[in-house]
């Protein structure tokens, strides 16, 4: 169902839209299922669409988890830098205080 132009970190809306439109557009010279009878073609389409949505959902979940971890590591590094610079004035003040005792 996916096209060659799919961005792997996003839902492939164009491909999904095309598949849904191809199976739901009226006047498509297709046989109509008898009311009350199972439409095997529709069931096959629905099962395939559901499977594709599950694959894309899993892929997006993996992407979000990966980016979340990456952002947490970057925030941790930023916190370390902020704490270091926040502590510097105290170190400098302490160093100056020691100098005045000489």
Protein backbone atom coordinates (compact mmCIF):
# COMPACT_ATOMS: atom_id res chain seq x y z
CA UNK A 1 0.00 0.00 0.00
CA UNK A 2 2.88 2.38 0.65
CA UNK A 3 4.40 4.40 -2.14
CA UNK A 4 8.08 4.99 -2.87
CA UNK A 5 7.69 8.60 -1.74
CA UNK A 6 6.55 7.74 1.78
CA UNK A 7 8.21 9.66 4.57
CA UNK A 8 9.01 6.89 7.08
CA UNK A 9 8.26 9.02 10.15
CA UNK A 10 4.73 10.00 9.14
CA UNK A 11 1.45 8.37 8.23
CA UNK A 12 1.23 7.88 4.48
CA UNK A 13 -1.98 9.86 4.00
CA UNK A 14 -1.84 9.89 0.20
CA UNK A 15 -1.59 6.13 -0.13
CA UNK A 16 -4.29 5.51 2.47
CA UNK A 17 -6.57 8.10 0.88
CA UNK A 18 -6.09 6.55 -2.55
CA UNK A 19 -6.89 3.04 -1.28
CA UNK A 20 -10.00 4.19 0.55
CA UNK A 21 -11.19 6.28 -2.39
CA UNK A 22 -10.62 3.41 -4.84
CA UNK A 23 -12.79 1.12 -2.74
CA UNK A 24 -15.54 3.56 -1.75
CA UNK A 25 -16.15 5.74 -4.82
CA UNK A 26 -19.56 5.26 -6.44
CA UNK A 27 -20.05 4.34 -10.08
CA UNK A 28 -17.02 2.03 -10.14
CA UNK A 29 -18.51 -0.69 -12.42
CA UNK A 30 -18.35 -3.24 -9.62
CA UNK A 31 -20.85 -5.83 -8.58
CA UNK A 32 -22.89 -4.84 -5.56
CA UNK A 33 -23.12 -7.31 -2.72
CA UNK A 34 -26.55 -8.73 -1.99
CA UNK A 35 -27.90 -7.25 1.25
CA UNK A 36 -27.43 -9.70 4.09
CA UNK A 37 -24.65 -11.57 2.30
CA UNK A 38 -20.97 -11.25 3.14
CA UNK A 39 -19.02 -9.04 0.75
CA UNK A 40 -15.69 -10.89 0.57
CA UNK A 41 -14.00 -8.15 -1.44
CA UNK A 42 -15.03 -5.52 1.12
CA UNK A 43 -13.89 -7.75 3.99
CA UNK A 44 -10.50 -8.26 2.27
CA UNK A 45 -10.14 -4.50 1.77
CA UNK A 46 -11.11 -3.71 5.37
CA UNK A 47 -8.68 -6.32 6.74
CA UNK A 48 -5.88 -5.01 4.52
CA UNK A 49 -6.58 -1.40 5.49
CA UNK A 50 -6.64 -2.32 9.17
CA UNK A 51 -3.32 -4.18 8.84
CA UNK A 52 -1.74 -1.19 7.07
CA UNK A 53 -3.02 1.22 9.73
CA UNK A 54 -1.56 -1.05 12.44
CA UNK A 55 1.84 -1.11 10.65
CA UNK A 56 1.89 2.67 10.33
CA UNK A 57 0.80 3.10 13.96
CA UNK A 58 3.62 0.81 15.13
CA UNK A 59 6.15 2.67 12.99
CA UNK A 60 5.00 6.01 14.41
CA UNK A 61 5.15 4.63 17.96
CA UNK A 62 8.76 3.57 17.41
CA UNK A 63 9.59 6.99 15.93
CA UNK A 64 8.04 8.82 18.91
CA UNK A 65 9.85 6.58 21.41
CA UNK A 66 13.17 7.16 19.63
CA UNK A 67 12.72 10.93 19.48
CA UNK A 68 11.54 11.03 23.08
CA UNK A 69 14.73 9.32 24.23
CA UNK A 70 16.83 11.63 22.09
CA UNK A 71 15.13 14.71 23.54
CA UNK A 72 15.52 13.42 27.10
CA UNK A 73 19.26 12.93 26.55
CA UNK A 74 19.60 16.45 25.11
CA UNK A 75 17.62 17.96 27.98
CA UNK A 76 19.81 16.09 30.45
CA UNK A 77 22.91 17.54 28.80
CA UNK A 78 21.39 21.04 28.91
CA UNK A 79 20.52 20.63 32.58
CA UNK A 80 24.11 19.65 33.28
CA UNK A 81 25.42 22.76 31.53
CA UNK A 82 22.90 25.00 33.31
CA UNK A 83 23.79 23.53 36.70
CA UNK A 84 27.50 23.98 35.94
CA UNK A 85 27.07 27.64 35.00
CA UNK A 86 24.71 28.25 37.89
CA UNK A 87 27.37 26.93 40.28
CA UNK A 88 30.17 29.05 38.76
CA UNK A 89 29.30 32.34 40.48
CA UNK A 90 29.47 30.58 43.84
CA UNK A 91 32.85 29.08 42.97
CA UNK A 92 34.15 32.49 41.85
CA UNK A 93 32.72 34.18 44.95
CA UNK A 94 34.29 31.54 47.18
CA UNK A 95 37.62 31.93 45.38
CA UNK A 96 37.51 35.75 45.84
CA UNK A 97 36.64 35.32 49.51
CA UNK A 98 39.68 33.07 49.95
CA UNK A 99 41.87 35.69 48.28
CA UNK A 100 40.73 38.41 50.67
CA UNK A 101 41.81 36.27 53.63
CA UNK A 102 45.41 36.33 52.48
